[in-house]
Amino acid sequence: MKISALRLLYKKQKAWGLTASIDLSGCDHELIQSPKAIKHFVKEMITSINMQTHGPMHIERFAEGHLEGYSVMQFLETSSLTIHFDHMIGDRAFIDIFSCKFFDPDKAAKFSKEYFKANKARTKTIIRY
């Protein structure tokens, strides 16, 4: 859906917020395992979608076996950004943005795909009521 149509629908339906779930595959293996690169991505993503952080970013590598990888949580003034990385099966990233402030999910997906040098990106957008 074009951003103008999405914005109109968002306003017309008096939405509470917007969720964008972005799935990336075939990411640059080194980038998704670099805390420095991940932190930089989060800061740049928040700027690119015109949001403001609330509190510190939390990044941690945990789990075991094929589930081990980095996860990130960053509160926003208008909700949150969370990311989970899989470097064991397909070099994937799973990015979820929820905000009560309208943003462009396609811009977020494009930025994510380019930053992590992903082969594929799939985005699901949900208007929250």
Protein backbone atom coordinates (compact mmCIF):
# COMPACT_ATOMS: atom_id res chain seq x y z
CA MET A 1 0.00 0.00 0.00
CA LYS A 2 1.32 3.45 -0.85
CA ILE A 3 2.29 5.61 2.08
CA SER A 4 -0.33 8.25 1.26
CA ALA A 5 -3.11 5.64 1.26
CA LEU A 6 -1.81 4.09 4.48
CA ARG A 7 -1.65 7.52 6.17
CA LEU A 8 -5.22 8.30 5.09
CA LEU A 9 -6.50 4.94 6.36
CA TYR A 10 -4.60 5.45 9.62
CA LYS A 11 -6.23 8.86 10.19
CA LYS A 12 -9.69 7.84 8.99
CA GLN A 13 -9.87 4.86 11.30
CA LYS A 14 -8.47 6.84 14.24
CA ALA A 15 -5.79 4.25 14.78
CA TRP A 16 -3.97 3.86 18.09
CA GLY A 17 -0.73 2.88 16.38
CA LEU A 18 1.09 1.14 13.59
CA THR A 19 3.18 -2.04 13.63
CA ALA A 20 5.72 -2.95 10.97
CA SER A 21 7.23 -6.43 11.10
CA ILE A 22 10.22 -6.67 8.81
CA ASP A 23 11.80 -10.05 8.05
CA LEU A 24 15.22 -9.99 6.41
CA SER A 25 17.10 -12.99 5.04
CA GLY A 26 20.54 -13.36 3.53
CA CYS A 27 21.98 -10.56 5.68
CA ASP A 28 25.68 -9.81 5.92
CA HIS A 29 26.89 -12.42 8.41
CA GLU A 30 29.42 -10.09 10.08
CA LEU A 31 26.99 -7.18 10.48
CA ILE A 32 24.34 -9.16 12.32
CA GLN A 33 26.98 -10.40 14.78
CA SER A 34 28.52 -7.00 15.49
CA PRO A 35 27.13 -5.17 18.54
CA LYS A 36 28.68 -1.94 17.24
CA ALA A 37 26.96 -2.29 13.83
CA ILE A 38 23.66 -3.27 15.45
CA LYS A 39 23.73 -0.26 17.81
CA HIS A 40 24.53 2.02 14.89
CA PHE A 41 21.63 0.54 12.91
CA VAL A 42 19.16 1.19 15.74
CA LYS A 43 20.25 4.82 16.08
CA GLU A 44 20.08 5.40 12.32
CA MET A 45 16.73 3.60 11.98
CA ILE A 46 15.16 5.75 14.68
CA THR A 47 16.40 8.88 12.95
CA SER A 48 15.23 7.68 9.52
CA ILE A 49 11.63 7.14 10.71
CA ASN A 50 11.63 10.38 12.71
CA MET A 51 11.29 8.88 16.19
CA GLN A 52 12.86 9.67 19.56
CA THR A 53 14.41 7.19 21.98
CA HIS A 54 13.22 6.77 25.55
CA GLY A 55 15.90 5.41 27.85
CA PRO A 56 18.89 3.25 27.01
CA MET A 57 19.13 0.61 24.29
CA HIS A 58 19.35 -2.94 25.55
CA ILE A 59 21.35 -5.40 23.44
CA GLU A 60 22.23 -8.91 24.51
CA ARG A 61 23.49 -12.13 22.97
CA PHE A 62 21.87 -15.17 24.55
CA ALA A 63 20.29 -18.63 24.10
CA GLU A 64 22.08 -21.77 22.99
CA GLY A 65 22.61 -23.75 19.82
CA HIS A 66 20.70 -22.61 16.76
CA LEU A 67 18.71 -20.08 18.84
CA GLU A 68 21.78 -18.13 19.98
CA GLY A 69 22.07 -14.60 18.70
CA TYR A 70 21.68 -10.91 19.47
CA SER A 71 18.41 -9.30 20.47
CA VAL A 72 17.75 -5.59 20.87
CA MET A 73 15.11 -3.59 22.68
CA GLN A 74 14.81 0.18 22.39
CA PHE A 75 11.87 2.05 23.85
CA LEU A 76 10.66 4.97 21.78
CA GLU A 77 8.81 8.03 23.06
CA THR A 78 5.87 6.54 21.18
CA SER A 79 6.45 2.78 21.85
CA SER A 80 9.30 0.42 20.84
CA LEU A 81 11.71 -1.14 18.38
CA THR A 82 12.74 -4.78 18.90
CA ILE A 83 15.07 -6.92 16.81
CA HIS A 84 16.12 -10.55 16.91
CA PHE A 85 19.01 -11.86 14.81
CA ASP A 86 19.64 -15.39 13.57
CA HIS A 87 23.17 -15.99 12.33
CA MET A 88 22.87 -19.80 12.43
CA ILE A 89 20.12 -20.43 9.86
CA GLY A 90 20.01 -18.04 6.92
CA ASP A 91 21.55 -14.90 8.45
CA ARG A 92 18.16 -13.42 9.27
CA ALA A 93 16.87 -10.37 11.15
CA PHE A 94 13.37 -9.94 12.56
CA ILE A 95 12.56 -6.28 13.18
CA ASP A 96 9.38 -5.05 14.85
CA ILE A 97 8.46 -1.40 15.17
CA PHE A 98 5.34 -0.31 17.02
CA SER A 99 4.48 3.34 17.36
CA CYS A 100 1.48 5.48 18.18
CA LYS A 101 3.11 8.08 15.92
CA PHE A 102 2.68 7.40 12.22
CA PHE A 103 5.79 6.30 10.31
CA ASP A 104 6.60 4.91 6.87
CA PRO A 105 6.99 1.09 7.11
CA ASP A 106 8.37 0.86 3.56
CA LYS A 107 11.11 3.37 4.38
CA ALA A 108 11.98 1.35 7.49
CA ALA A 109 12.11 -1.88 5.46
CA LYS A 110 14.23 -0.35 2.71
CA PHE A 111 16.66 1.11 5.22
CA SER A 112 16.90 -2.24 7.05
CA LYS A 113 17.49 -4.25 3.89
CA GLU A 114 20.19 -1.89 2.67
CA TYR A 115 21.93 -1.58 6.03
CA PHE A 116 22.20 -5.32 6.65
CA LYS A 117 22.83 -6.04 2.94
CA ALA A 118 19.95 -8.53 2.93
CA ASN A 119 18.99 -10.54 -0.14
CA LYS A 120 15.28 -10.44 0.72
CA ALA A 121 12.94 -8.35 2.82
CA ARG A 122 9.31 -9.02 3.64
CA THR A 123 7.16 -6.51 5.54
CA LYS A 124 3.82 -6.94 7.25
CA THR A 125 2.07 -3.73 8.33
CA ILE A 126 -0.78 -3.70 10.81
CA ILE A 127 -2.86 -0.71 11.85
CA ARG A 128 -3.61 -1.05 15.57
CA TYR A 129 -6.95 0.09 17.00
